[in-house]
Amino acid sequence: MRRALLASLLLLTGARGDSCNFTIGPNGLCAALRLDPEEQELRVGDGFRVQINADGCSTTTGCACADSALASARWQSANAAIATVDQNGAVTGRAPGSTDIILSGASGSWERSRIRVTVVR
């Protein structure tokens, strides 16, 4: 049963074109993470919160996979002069320009996911 579930999950993630980039649990359940939105434009001083989606559920709706990803995540901005991000995924525009907001496993336990943020006046 467990193998069939894992095989189905792998097929579903493969069918969507996502890669397995996060494993959870003692048996290494494979999940494809996606950050929403994939791109965001905001004004200087405005902000938004990035949501983690994992195999159809998210940190908004609540599921073990997305919650575990968030618990072991490390957020960073590729250019904090343009936009900053806190440890909860809250992004704030600082200056006009574009940068990536990156989510990665705390100890390299899973691959990075990123979104593109463009800040305008």
PDB file of N, CA and C in Angstrom:
ATOM      1  N   MET A   1       0.816  -1.199   0.000  1.00  0.00           N
ATOM      2  CA  MET A   1       0.000   0.000   0.000  1.00  0.00           C
ATOM      3  C   MET A   1       0.857   1.260   0.000  1.00  0.00           C
ATOM      4  N   ARG A   2       1.860   1.269   0.869  1.00  0.00           N
ATOM      5  CA  ARG A   2       2.735   2.431   0.982  1.00  0.00           C
ATOM      6  C   ARG A   2       3.500   2.661  -0.325  1.00  0.00           C
ATOM      7  N   ARG A   3       3.974   1.583  -0.941  1.00  0.00           N
ATOM      8  CA  ARG A   3       4.695   1.708  -2.211  1.00  0.00           C
ATOM      9  C   ARG A   3       3.779   2.239  -3.309  1.00  0.00           C
ATOM     10  N   ALA A   4       2.546   1.750  -3.327  1.00  0.00           N
ATOM     11  CA  ALA A   4       1.593   2.211  -4.341  1.00  0.00           C
ATOM     12  C   ALA A   4       1.307   3.698  -4.170  1.00  0.00           C
ATOM     13  N   LEU A   5       1.160   4.149  -2.922  1.00  0.00           N
ATOM     14  CA  LEU A   5       0.920   5.559  -2.656  1.00  0.00           C
ATOM     15  C   LEU A   5       2.104   6.403  -3.109  1.00  0.00           C
ATOM     16  N   LEU A   6       3.310   5.977  -2.780  1.00  0.00           N
ATOM     17  CA  LEU A   6       4.505   6.709  -3.179  1.00  0.00           C
ATOM     18  C   LEU A   6       4.642   6.728  -4.696  1.00  0.00           C
ATOM     19  N   ALA A   7       4.380   5.594  -5.340  1.00  0.00           N
ATOM     20  CA  ALA A   7       4.460   5.543  -6.801  1.00  0.00           C
ATOM     21  C   ALA A   7       3.444   6.486  -7.427  1.00  0.00           C
ATOM     22  N   SER A   8       2.234   6.523  -6.886  1.00  0.00           N
ATOM     23  CA  SER A   8       1.212   7.433  -7.401  1.00  0.00           C
ATOM     24  C   SER A   8       1.634   8.882  -7.224  1.00  0.00           C
ATOM     25  N   LEU A   9       2.184   9.192  -6.059  1.00  0.00           N
ATOM     26  CA  LEU A   9       2.637  10.550  -5.787  1.00  0.00           C
ATOM     27  C   LEU A   9       3.743  10.947  -6.750  1.00  0.00           C
ATOM     28  N   LEU A  10       4.686  10.051  -6.989  1.00  0.00           N
ATOM     29  CA  LEU A  10       5.769  10.348  -7.917  1.00  0.00           C
ATOM     30  C   LEU A  10       5.236  10.543  -9.337  1.00  0.00           C
ATOM     31  N   LEU A  11       4.290   9.730  -9.738  1.00  0.00           N
ATOM     32  CA  LEU A  11       3.695   9.893 -11.063  1.00  0.00           C
ATOM     33  C   LEU A  11       2.952  11.209 -11.185  1.00  0.00           C
ATOM     34  N   LEU A  12       2.223  11.581 -10.153  1.00  0.00           N
ATOM     35  CA  LEU A  12       1.490  12.842 -10.184  1.00  0.00           C
ATOM     36  C   LEU A  12       2.427  14.037 -10.266  1.00  0.00           C
ATOM     37  N   THR A  13       3.494  14.019  -9.472  1.00  0.00           N
ATOM     38  CA  THR A  13       4.422  15.147  -9.523  1.00  0.00           C
ATOM     39  C   THR A  13       5.137  15.176 -10.860  1.00  0.00           C
ATOM     40  N   GLY A  14       5.449  14.025 -11.408  1.00  0.00           N
ATOM     41  CA  GLY A  14       6.085  13.975 -12.716  1.00  0.00           C
ATOM     42  C   GLY A  14       5.144  14.457 -13.803  1.00  0.00           C
ATOM     43  N   ALA A  15       3.856  14.140 -13.681  1.00  0.00           N
ATOM     44  CA  ALA A  15       2.885  14.544 -14.688  1.00  0.00           C
ATOM     45  C   ALA A  15       2.728  16.059 -14.730  1.00  0.00           C
ATOM     46  N   ARG A  16       2.929  16.720 -13.603  1.00  0.00           N
ATOM     47  CA  ARG A  16       2.809  18.175 -13.559  1.00  0.00           C
ATOM     48  C   ARG A  16       4.084  18.860 -14.027  1.00  0.00           C
ATOM     49  N   GLY A  17       5.151  18.101 -14.209  1.00  0.00           N
ATOM     50  CA  GLY A  17       6.409  18.697 -14.620  1.00  0.00           C
ATOM     51  C   GLY A  17       7.237  19.184 -13.445  1.00  0.00           C
ATOM     52  N   ASP A  18       6.782  18.957 -12.243  1.00  0.00           N
ATOM     53  CA  ASP A  18       7.535  19.343 -11.064  1.00  0.00           C
ATOM     54  C   ASP A  18       8.564  18.267 -10.753  1.00  0.00           C
ATOM     55  N   SER A  19       9.610  18.632 -10.056  1.00  0.00           N
ATOM     56  CA  SER A  19      10.584  17.636  -9.620  1.00  0.00           C
ATOM     57  C   SER A  19      10.406  17.404  -8.133  1.00  0.00           C
ATOM     58  N   CYS A  20      10.853  16.273  -7.687  1.00  0.00           N
ATOM     59  CA  CYS A  20      10.814  15.986  -6.260  1.00  0.00           C
ATOM     60  C   CYS A  20      11.935  16.775  -5.617  1.00  0.00           C
ATOM     61  N   ASN A  21      11.614  17.721  -4.772  1.00  0.00           N
ATOM     62  CA  ASN A  21      12.671  18.519  -4.171  1.00  0.00           C
ATOM     63  C   ASN A  21      12.564  18.607  -2.651  1.00  0.00           C
ATOM     64  N   PHE A  22      11.755  17.774  -2.072  1.00  0.00           N
ATOM     65  CA  PHE A  22      11.607  17.793  -0.618  1.00  0.00           C
ATOM     66  C   PHE A  22      11.195  16.405  -0.167  1.00  0.00           C
ATOM     67  N   THR A  23      11.850  15.870   0.838  1.00  0.00           N
ATOM     68  CA  THR A  23      11.441  14.590   1.400  1.00  0.00           C
ATOM     69  C   THR A  23      11.082  14.775   2.854  1.00  0.00           C
ATOM     70  N   ILE A  24      10.084  14.034   3.293  1.00  0.00           N
ATOM     71  CA  ILE A  24       9.587  14.152   4.654  1.00  0.00           C
ATOM     72  C   ILE A  24       9.326  12.763   5.209  1.00  0.00           C
ATOM     73  N   GLY A  25       9.527  12.607   6.473  1.00  0.00           N
ATOM     74  CA  GLY A  25       9.192  11.353   7.142  1.00  0.00           C
ATOM     75  C   GLY A  25      10.288  10.312   7.045  1.00  0.00           C
ATOM     76  N   PRO A  26      10.170   9.260   7.849  1.00  0.00           N
ATOM     77  CA  PRO A  26      11.212   8.240   7.908  1.00  0.00           C
ATOM     78  C   PRO A  26      11.356   7.447   6.611  1.00  0.00           C
ATOM     79  N   ASN A  27      10.314   7.396   5.794  1.00  0.00           N
ATOM     80  CA  ASN A  27      10.385   6.657   4.536  1.00  0.00           C
ATOM     81  C   ASN A  27      10.679   7.557   3.348  1.00  0.00           C
ATOM     82  N   GLY A  28      10.953   8.822   3.594  1.00  0.00           N
ATOM     83  CA  GLY A  28      11.333   9.735   2.532  1.00  0.00           C
ATOM     84  C   GLY A  28      10.235  10.031   1.534  1.00  0.00           C
ATOM     85  N   LEU A  29       9.018  10.340   2.010  1.00  0.00           N
ATOM     86  CA  LEU A  29       7.916  10.701   1.127  1.00  0.00           C
ATOM     87  C   LEU A  29       8.341  11.875   0.255  1.00  0.00           C
ATOM     88  N   CYS A  30       8.155  11.726  -1.038  1.00  0.00           N
ATOM     89  CA  CYS A  30       8.591  12.728  -2.003  1.00  0.00           C
ATOM     90  C   CYS A  30       7.497  13.765  -2.230  1.00  0.00           C
ATOM     91  N   ALA A  31       7.864  15.023  -2.190  1.00  0.00           N
ATOM     92  CA  ALA A  31       6.899  16.085  -2.456  1.00  0.00           C
ATOM     93  C   ALA A  31       7.529  17.122  -3.367  1.00  0.00           C
ATOM     94  N   ALA A  32       6.730  17.698  -4.208  1.00  0.00           N
ATOM     95  CA  ALA A  32       7.173  18.796  -5.062  1.00  0.00           C
ATOM     96  C   ALA A  32       6.685  20.096  -4.444  1.00  0.00           C
ATOM     97  N   LEU A  33       7.610  20.973  -4.120  1.00  0.00           N
ATOM     98  CA  LEU A  33       7.253  22.261  -3.534  1.00  0.00           C
ATOM     99  C   LEU A  33       7.104  23.310  -4.617  1.00  0.00           C
ATOM    100  N   ARG A  34       6.180  24.217  -4.407  1.00  0.00           N
ATOM    101  CA  ARG A  34       6.019  25.358  -5.288  1.00  0.00           C
ATOM    102  C   ARG A  34       5.728  26.565  -4.400  1.00  0.00           C
ATOM    103  N   LEU A  35       6.292  27.675  -4.756  1.00  0.00           N
ATOM    104  CA  LEU A  35       6.032  28.903  -4.018  1.00  0.00           C
ATOM    105  C   LEU A  35       5.006  29.719  -4.784  1.00  0.00           C
ATOM    106  N   ASP A  36       4.053  30.292  -4.060  1.00  0.00           N
ATOM    107  CA  ASP A  36       3.035  31.146  -4.671  1.00  0.00           C
ATOM    108  C   ASP A  36       3.105  32.523  -4.055  1.00  0.00           C
ATOM    109  N   PRO A  37       3.089  33.540  -4.822  1.00  0.00           N
ATOM    110  CA  PRO A  37       3.020  33.542  -6.279  1.00  0.00           C
ATOM    111  C   PRO A  37       4.382  33.204  -6.877  1.00  0.00           C
ATOM    112  N   GLU A  38       4.438  32.857  -8.151  1.00  0.00           N
ATOM    113  CA  GLU A  38       5.715  32.573  -8.810  1.00  0.00           C
ATOM    114  C   GLU A  38       6.463  33.867  -9.112  1.00  0.00           C
ATOM    115  N   GLU A  39       5.710  34.924  -9.354  1.00  0.00           N
ATOM    116  CA  GLU A  39       6.264  36.259  -9.562  1.00  0.00           C
ATOM    117  C   GLU A  39       5.356  37.258  -8.860  1.00  0.00           C
ATOM    118  N   GLN A  40       5.948  38.340  -8.377  1.00  0.00           N
ATOM    119  CA  GLN A  40       5.147  39.351  -7.695  1.00  0.00           C
ATOM    120  C   GLN A  40       5.734  40.724  -7.959  1.00  0.00           C
ATOM    121  N   GLU A  41       4.854  41.680  -8.241  1.00  0.00           N
ATOM    122  CA  GLU A  41       5.266  43.077  -8.343  1.00  0.00           C
ATOM    123  C   GLU A  41       4.643  43.822  -7.178  1.00  0.00           C
ATOM    124  N   LEU A  42       5.427  44.666  -6.527  1.00  0.00           N
ATOM    125  CA  LEU A  42       4.914  45.466  -5.419  1.00  0.00           C
ATOM    126  C   LEU A  42       5.608  46.807  -5.389  1.00  0.00           C
ATOM    127  N   ARG A  43       5.026  47.714  -4.645  1.00  0.00           N
ATOM    128  CA  ARG A  43       5.585  49.061  -4.509  1.00  0.00           C
ATOM    129  C   ARG A  43       6.551  49.109  -3.320  1.00  0.00           C
ATOM    130  N   VAL A  44       7.447  50.079  -3.371  1.00  0.00           N
ATOM    131  CA  VAL A  44       8.362  50.305  -2.256  1.00  0.00           C
ATOM    132  C   VAL A  44       7.535  50.476  -0.984  1.00  0.00           C
ATOM    133  N   GLY A  45       7.872  49.748   0.061  1.00  0.00           N
ATOM    134  CA  GLY A  45       7.170  49.831   1.338  1.00  0.00           C
ATOM    135  C   GLY A  45       6.036  48.841   1.495  1.00  0.00           C
ATOM    136  N   ASP A  46       5.520  48.305   0.390  1.00  0.00           N
ATOM    137  CA  ASP A  46       4.451  47.308   0.461  1.00  0.00           C
ATOM    138  C   ASP A  46       5.043  45.915   0.690  1.00  0.00           C
ATOM    139  N   GLY A  47       4.160  44.982   1.027  1.00  0.00           N
ATOM    140  CA  GLY A  47       4.639  43.629   1.277  1.00  0.00           C
ATOM    141  C   GLY A  47       3.583  42.575   0.971  1.00  0.00           C
ATOM    142  N   PHE A  48       3.982  41.334   1.056  1.00  0.00           N
ATOM    143  CA  PHE A  48       3.100  40.178   0.883  1.00  0.00           C
ATOM    144  C   PHE A  48       3.790  38.979   1.525  1.00  0.00           C
ATOM    145  N   ARG A  49       3.048  37.904   1.681  1.00  0.00           N
ATOM    146  CA  ARG A  49       3.609  36.683   2.265  1.00  0.00           C
ATOM    147  C   ARG A  49       3.627  35.580   1.221  1.00  0.00           C
ATOM    148  N   VAL A  50       4.776  34.964   1.049  1.00  0.00           N
ATOM    149  CA  VAL A  50       4.926  33.847   0.120  1.00  0.00           C
ATOM    150  C   VAL A  50       4.298  32.613   0.758  1.00  0.00           C
ATOM    151  N   GLN A  51       3.551  31.857  -0.028  1.00  0.00           N
ATOM    152  CA  GLN A  51       2.931  30.620   0.442  1.00  0.00           C
ATOM    153  C   GLN A  51       3.696  29.416  -0.116  1.00  0.00           C
ATOM    154  N   ILE A  52       3.867  28.400   0.699  1.00  0.00           N
ATOM    155  CA  ILE A  52       4.482  27.151   0.255  1.00  0.00           C
ATOM    156  C   ILE A  52       3.373  26.184  -0.097  1.00  0.00           C
ATOM    157  N   ASN A  53       3.389  25.670  -1.322  1.00  0.00           N
ATOM    158  CA  ASN A  53       2.444  24.653  -1.759  1.00  0.00           C
ATOM    159  C   ASN A  53       3.204  23.351  -1.972  1.00  0.00           C
ATOM    160  N   ALA A  54       2.692  22.291  -1.414  1.00  0.00           N
ATOM    161  CA  ALA A  54       3.336  20.986  -1.521  1.00  0.00           C
ATOM    162  C   ALA A  54       2.293  19.954  -1.906  1.00  0.00           C
ATOM    163  N   ASP A  55       2.377  19.490  -3.135  1.00  0.00           N
ATOM    164  CA  ASP A  55       1.482  18.451  -3.623  1.00  0.00           C
ATOM    165  C   ASP A  55       0.015  18.748  -3.363  1.00  0.00           C
ATOM    166  N   GLY A  56      -0.410  19.973  -3.685  1.00  0.00           N
ATOM    167  CA  GLY A  56      -1.824  20.303  -3.625  1.00  0.00           C
ATOM    168  C   GLY A  56      -2.313  20.887  -2.316  1.00  0.00           C
ATOM    169  N   CYS A  57      -1.491  20.964  -1.301  1.00  0.00           N
ATOM    170  CA  CYS A  57      -1.910  21.638  -0.079  1.00  0.00           C
ATOM    171  C   CYS A  57      -0.883  22.697   0.254  1.00  0.00           C
ATOM    172  N   SER A  58      -1.245  23.609   1.119  1.00  0.00           N
ATOM    173  CA  SER A  58      -0.367  24.746   1.369  1.00  0.00           C
ATOM    174  C   SER A  58      -0.309  25.092   2.842  1.00  0.00           C
ATOM    175  N   THR A  59       0.581  26.035   3.150  1.00  0.00           N
ATOM    176  CA  THR A  59       0.667  26.530   4.519  1.00  0.00           C
ATOM    177  C   THR A  59      -0.595  27.283   4.895  1.00  0.00           C
ATOM    178  N   THR A  60      -1.372  27.741   3.921  1.00  0.00           N
ATOM    179  CA  THR A  60      -2.639  28.426   4.198  1.00  0.00           C
ATOM    180  C   THR A  60      -3.701  27.430   4.647  1.00  0.00           C
ATOM    181  N   THR A  61      -3.836  26.334   3.901  1.00  0.00           N
ATOM    182  CA  THR A  61      -4.852  25.325   4.222  1.00  0.00           C
ATOM    183  C   THR A  61      -4.380  24.360   5.294  1.00  0.00           C
ATOM    184  N   GLY A  62      -3.095  24.256   5.463  1.00  0.00           N
ATOM    185  CA  GLY A  62      -2.514  23.408   6.491  1.00  0.00           C
ATOM    186  C   GLY A  62      -2.373  21.964   6.054  1.00  0.00           C
ATOM    187  N   CYS A  63      -1.163  21.483   6.016  1.00  0.00           N
ATOM    188  CA  CYS A  63      -0.890  20.065   5.787  1.00  0.00           C
ATOM    189  C   CYS A  63       0.503  19.777   6.308  1.00  0.00           C
ATOM    190  N   ALA A  64       0.749  18.542   6.665  1.00  0.00           N
ATOM    191  CA  ALA A  64       2.021  18.165   7.275  1.00  0.00           C
ATOM    192  C   ALA A  64       3.197  18.470   6.358  1.00  0.00           C
ATOM    193  N   CYS A  65       3.032  18.229   5.076  1.00  0.00           N
ATOM    194  CA  CYS A  65       4.138  18.420   4.138  1.00  0.00           C
ATOM    195  C   CYS A  65       4.537  19.892   4.046  1.00  0.00           C
ATOM    196  N   ALA A  66       3.588  20.762   3.814  1.00  0.00           N
ATOM    197  CA  ALA A  66       3.886  22.197   3.705  1.00  0.00           C
ATOM    198  C   ALA A  66       4.365  22.748   5.047  1.00  0.00           C
ATOM    199  N   ASP A  67       3.743  22.321   6.135  1.00  0.00           N
ATOM    200  CA  ASP A  67       4.157  22.798   7.456  1.00  0.00           C
ATOM    201  C   ASP A  67       5.573  22.345   7.792  1.00  0.00           C
ATOM    202  N   SER A  68       5.933  21.105   7.434  1.00  0.00           N
ATOM    203  CA  SER A  68       7.293  20.612   7.680  1.00  0.00           C
ATOM    204  C   SER A  68       8.305  21.361   6.841  1.00  0.00           C
ATOM    205  N   ALA A  69       7.938  21.678   5.603  1.00  0.00           N
ATOM    206  CA  ALA A  69       8.839  22.461   4.753  1.00  0.00           C
ATOM    207  C   ALA A  69       9.102  23.815   5.385  1.00  0.00           C
ATOM    208  N   LEU A  70       8.046  24.460   5.866  1.00  0.00           N
ATOM    209  CA  LEU A  70       8.189  25.766   6.495  1.00  0.00           C
ATOM    210  C   LEU A  70       9.038  25.689   7.762  1.00  0.00           C
ATOM    211  N   ALA A  71       8.839  24.641   8.549  1.00  0.00           N
ATOM    212  CA  ALA A  71       9.576  24.499   9.810  1.00  0.00           C
ATOM    213  C   ALA A  71      11.078  24.329   9.582  1.00  0.00           C
ATOM    214  N   SER A  72      11.463  23.708   8.471  1.00  0.00           N
ATOM    215  CA  SER A  72      12.883  23.472   8.222  1.00  0.00           C
ATOM    216  C   SER A  72      13.455  24.419   7.176  1.00  0.00           C
ATOM    217  N   ALA A  73      12.726  25.467   6.858  1.00  0.00           N
ATOM    218  CA  ALA A  73      13.106  26.364   5.768  1.00  0.00           C
ATOM    219  C   ALA A  73      14.007  27.496   6.219  1.00  0.00           C
ATOM    220  N   ARG A  74      14.722  27.999   5.237  1.00  0.00           N
ATOM    221  CA  ARG A  74      15.519  29.204   5.431  1.00  0.00           C
ATOM    222  C   ARG A  74      15.202  30.141   4.262  1.00  0.00           C
ATOM    223  N   TRP A  75      14.628  31.294   4.582  1.00  0.00           N
ATOM    224  CA  TRP A  75      14.287  32.290   3.569  1.00  0.00           C
ATOM    225  C   TRP A  75      15.448  33.245   3.394  1.00  0.00           C
ATOM    226  N   GLN A  76      15.663  33.711   2.163  1.00  0.00           N
ATOM    227  CA  GLN A  76      16.651  34.761   1.950  1.00  0.00           C
ATOM    228  C   GLN A  76      16.315  35.528   0.682  1.00  0.00           C
ATOM    229  N   SER A  77      16.788  36.754   0.644  1.00  0.00           N
ATOM    230  CA  SER A  77      16.644  37.601  -0.540  1.00  0.00           C
ATOM    231  C   SER A  77      17.991  37.626  -1.238  1.00  0.00           C
ATOM    232  N   ALA A  78      17.964  37.504  -2.569  1.00  0.00           N
ATOM    233  CA  ALA A  78      19.207  37.589  -3.326  1.00  0.00           C
ATOM    234  C   ALA A  78      19.776  39.007  -3.292  1.00  0.00           C
ATOM    235  N   ASN A  79      18.916  39.997  -3.024  1.00  0.00           N
ATOM    236  CA  ASN A  79      19.356  41.391  -2.923  1.00  0.00           C
ATOM    237  C   ASN A  79      18.456  42.108  -1.918  1.00  0.00           C
ATOM    238  N   ALA A  80      18.891  42.161  -0.670  1.00  0.00           N
ATOM    239  CA  ALA A  80      18.086  42.756   0.400  1.00  0.00           C
ATOM    240  C   ALA A  80      17.916  44.263   0.239  1.00  0.00           C
ATOM    241  N   ALA A  81      18.699  44.904  -0.610  1.00  0.00           N
ATOM    242  CA  ALA A  81      18.508  46.330  -0.863  1.00  0.00           C
ATOM    243  C   ALA A  81      17.224  46.559  -1.666  1.00  0.00           C
ATOM    244  N   ILE A  82      16.798  45.566  -2.444  1.00  0.00           N
ATOM    245  CA  ILE A  82      15.579  45.671  -3.246  1.00  0.00           C
ATOM    246  C   ILE A  82      14.371  45.141  -2.489  1.00  0.00           C
ATOM    247  N   ALA A  83      14.497  43.959  -1.876  1.00  0.00           N
ATOM    248  CA  ALA A  83      13.393  43.376  -1.103  1.00  0.00           C
ATOM    249  C   ALA A  83      13.966  42.500  -0.002  1.00  0.00           C
ATOM    250  N   THR A  84      13.334  42.555   1.161  1.00  0.00           N
ATOM    251  CA  THR A  84      13.738  41.704   2.275  1.00  0.00           C
ATOM    252  C   THR A  84      12.668  40.650   2.509  1.00  0.00           C
ATOM    253  N   VAL A  85      13.051  39.589   3.211  1.00  0.00           N
ATOM    254  CA  VAL A  85      12.108  38.527   3.568  1.00  0.00           C
ATOM    255  C   VAL A  85      12.447  38.076   4.981  1.00  0.00           C
ATOM    256  N   ASP A  86      11.404  37.869   5.807  1.00  0.00           N
ATOM    257  CA  ASP A  86      11.654  37.372   7.158  1.00  0.00           C
ATOM    258  C   ASP A  86      11.507  35.850   7.187  1.00  0.00           C
ATOM    259  N   GLN A  87      11.692  35.259   8.344  1.00  0.00           N
ATOM    260  CA  GLN A  87      11.671  33.796   8.465  1.00  0.00           C
ATOM    261  C   GLN A  87      10.281  33.191   8.316  1.00  0.00           C
ATOM    262  N   ASN A  88       9.259  34.025   8.172  1.00  0.00           N
ATOM    263  CA  ASN A  88       7.903  33.537   7.917  1.00  0.00           C
ATOM    264  C   ASN A  88       7.494  33.706   6.459  1.00  0.00           C
ATOM    265  N   GLY A  89       8.422  34.169   5.614  1.00  0.00           N
ATOM    266  CA  GLY A  89       8.120  34.361   4.199  1.00  0.00           C
ATOM    267  C   GLY A  89       7.462  35.685   3.885  1.00  0.00           C
ATOM    268  N   ALA A  90       7.494  36.634   4.811  1.00  0.00           N
ATOM    269  CA  ALA A  90       6.917  37.961   4.564  1.00  0.00           C
ATOM    270  C   ALA A  90       7.944  38.820   3.837  1.00  0.00           C
ATOM    271  N   VAL A  91       7.583  39.279   2.643  1.00  0.00           N
ATOM    272  CA  VAL A  91       8.475  40.054   1.785  1.00  0.00           C
ATOM    273  C   VAL A  91       8.077  41.523   1.848  1.00  0.00           C
ATOM    274  N   THR A  92       9.081  42.412   1.895  1.00  0.00           N
ATOM    275  CA  THR A  92       8.842  43.855   1.895  1.00  0.00           C
ATOM    276  C   THR A  92       9.708  44.493   0.821  1.00  0.00           C
ATOM    277  N   GLY A  93       9.080  45.333  -0.028  1.00  0.00           N
ATOM    278  CA  GLY A  93       9.815  46.060  -1.048  1.00  0.00           C
ATOM    279  C   GLY A  93      10.604  47.199  -0.424  1.00  0.00           C
ATOM    280  N   ARG A  94      11.879  47.324  -0.802  1.00  0.00           N
ATOM    281  CA  ARG A  94      12.747  48.364  -0.232  1.00  0.00           C
ATOM    282  C   ARG A  94      13.156  49.434  -1.240  1.00  0.00           C
ATOM    283  N   ALA A  95      13.437  49.010  -2.491  1.00  0.00           N
ATOM    284  CA  ALA A  95      13.883  49.953  -3.520  1.00  0.00           C
ATOM    285  C   ALA A  95      13.529  49.373  -4.887  1.00  0.00           C
ATOM    286  N   PRO A  96      13.359  50.232  -5.903  1.00  0.00           N
ATOM    287  CA  PRO A  96      13.026  49.726  -7.237  1.00  0.00           C
ATOM    288  C   PRO A  96      14.086  48.758  -7.772  1.00  0.00           C
ATOM    289  N   GLY A  97      13.602  47.718  -8.441  1.00  0.00           N
ATOM    290  CA  GLY A  97      14.484  46.713  -9.032  1.00  0.00           C
ATOM    291  C   GLY A  97      13.854  45.338  -8.941  1.00  0.00           C
ATOM    292  N   SER A  98      14.601  44.312  -9.332  1.00  0.00           N
ATOM    293  CA  SER A  98      14.123  42.927  -9.275  1.00  0.00           C
ATOM    294  C   SER A  98      15.125  42.063  -8.529  1.00  0.00           C
ATOM    295  N   THR A  99      14.598  41.100  -7.806  1.00  0.00           N
ATOM    296  CA  THR A  99      15.441  40.157  -7.084  1.00  0.00           C
ATOM    297  C   THR A  99      14.692  38.844  -6.900  1.00  0.00           C
ATOM    298  N   ASP A 100      15.397  37.831  -6.479  1.00  0.00           N
ATOM    299  CA  ASP A 100      14.783  36.537  -6.169  1.00  0.00           C
ATOM    300  C   ASP A 100      14.639  36.387  -4.663  1.00  0.00           C
ATOM    301  N   ILE A 101      13.513  35.816  -4.251  1.00  0.00           N
ATOM    302  CA  ILE A 101      13.308  35.398  -2.867  1.00  0.00           C
ATOM    303  C   ILE A 101      13.467  33.885  -2.891  1.00  0.00           C
ATOM    304  N   ILE A 102      14.345  33.375  -2.052  1.00  0.00           N
ATOM    305  CA  ILE A 102      14.762  31.976  -2.115  1.00  0.00           C
ATOM    306  C   ILE A 102      14.383  31.251  -0.834  1.00  0.00           C
ATOM    307  N   LEU A 103      13.839  30.055  -0.997  1.00  0.00           N
ATOM    308  CA  LEU A 103      13.526  29.168   0.118  1.00  0.00           C
ATOM    309  C   LEU A 103      14.388  27.924  -0.041  1.00  0.00           C
ATOM    310  N   SER A 104      15.124  27.588   1.003  1.00  0.00           N
ATOM    311  CA  SER A 104      15.958  26.394   0.935  1.00  0.00           C
ATOM    312  C   SER A 104      15.898  25.653   2.257  1.00  0.00           C
ATOM    313  N   GLY A 105      16.250  24.371   2.211  1.00  0.00           N
ATOM    314  CA  GLY A 105      16.292  23.562   3.424  1.00  0.00           C
ATOM    315  C   GLY A 105      17.377  24.075   4.347  1.00  0.00           C
ATOM    316  N   ALA A 106      17.129  24.041   5.635  1.00  0.00           N
ATOM    317  CA  ALA A 106      18.048  24.614   6.613  1.00  0.00           C
ATOM    318  C   ALA A 106      19.459  24.033   6.498  1.00  0.00           C
ATOM    319  N   SER A 107      19.578  22.770   6.203  1.00  0.00           N
ATOM    320  CA  SER A 107      20.910  22.165   6.114  1.00  0.00           C
ATOM    321  C   SER A 107      21.125  21.528   4.749  1.00  0.00           C
ATOM    322  N   GLY A 108      20.533  22.109   3.723  1.00  0.00           N
ATOM    323  CA  GLY A 108      20.668  21.554   2.387  1.00  0.00           C
ATOM    324  C   GLY A 108      19.885  20.268   2.208  1.00  0.00           C
ATOM    325  N   SER A 109      18.871  20.053   3.059  1.00  0.00           N
ATOM    326  CA  SER A 109      18.109  18.809   3.030  1.00  0.00           C
ATOM    327  C   SER A 109      17.183  18.718   1.827  1.00  0.00           C
ATOM    328  N   TRP A 110      16.935  19.835   1.150  1.00  0.00           N
ATOM    329  CA  TRP A 110      16.145  19.823  -0.076  1.00  0.00           C
ATOM    330  C   TRP A 110      16.544  20.994  -0.942  1.00  0.00           C
ATOM    331  N   GLU A 111      16.206  20.901  -2.208  1.00  0.00           N
ATOM    332  CA  GLU A 111      16.604  21.904  -3.186  1.00  0.00           C
ATOM    333  C   GLU A 111      15.879  23.220  -2.974  1.00  0.00           C
ATOM    334  N   ARG A 112      16.431  24.242  -3.550  1.00  0.00           N
ATOM    335  CA  ARG A 112      15.853  25.575  -3.444  1.00  0.00           C
ATOM    336  C   ARG A 112      14.618  25.746  -4.318  1.00  0.00           C
ATOM    337  N   SER A 113      13.739  26.595  -3.838  1.00  0.00           N
ATOM    338  CA  SER A 113      12.625  27.094  -4.631  1.00  0.00           C
ATOM    339  C   SER A 113      12.732  28.609  -4.578  1.00  0.00           C
ATOM    340  N   ARG A 114      12.266  29.269  -5.626  1.00  0.00           N
ATOM    341  CA  ARG A 114      12.421  30.728  -5.650  1.00  0.00           C
ATOM    342  C   ARG A 114      11.264  31.389  -6.378  1.00  0.00           C
ATOM    343  N   ILE A 115      11.073  32.652  -6.052  1.00  0.00           N
ATOM    344  CA  ILE A 115      10.131  33.483  -6.788  1.00  0.00           C
ATOM    345  C   ILE A 115      10.862  34.759  -7.206  1.00  0.00           C
ATOM    346  N   ARG A 116      10.366  35.408  -8.206  1.00  0.00           N
ATOM    347  CA  ARG A 116      10.929  36.666  -8.691  1.00  0.00           C
ATOM    348  C   ARG A 116      10.071  37.815  -8.187  1.00  0.00           C
ATOM    349  N   VAL A 117      10.707  38.803  -7.568  1.00  0.00           N
ATOM    350  CA  VAL A 117      10.006  39.968  -7.031  1.00  0.00           C
ATOM    351  C   VAL A 117      10.522  41.207  -7.743  1.00  0.00           C
ATOM    352  N   THR A 118       9.593  42.007  -8.244  1.00  0.00           N
ATOM    353  CA  THR A 118       9.925  43.275  -8.868  1.00  0.00           C
ATOM    354  C   THR A 118       9.312  44.385  -8.019  1.00  0.00           C
ATOM    355  N   VAL A 119      10.153  45.318  -7.598  1.00  0.00           N
ATOM    356  CA  VAL A 119       9.702  46.437  -6.777  1.00  0.00           C
ATOM    357  C   VAL A 119       9.683  47.693  -7.639  1.00  0.00           C
ATOM    358  N   VAL A 120       8.553  48.417  -7.574  1.00  0.00           N
ATOM    359  CA  VAL A 120       8.402  49.663  -8.338  1.00  0.00           C
ATOM    360  C   VAL A 120       8.098  50.798  -7.368  1.00  0.00           C
ATOM    361  N   ARG A 121       8.253  52.013  -7.840  1.00  0.00           N
ATOM    362  CA  ARG A 121       7.959  53.186  -6.997  1.00  0.00           C
ATOM    363  C   ARG A 121       6.485  53.361  -6.772  1.00  0.00           C
TER     364      ARG A 121
END
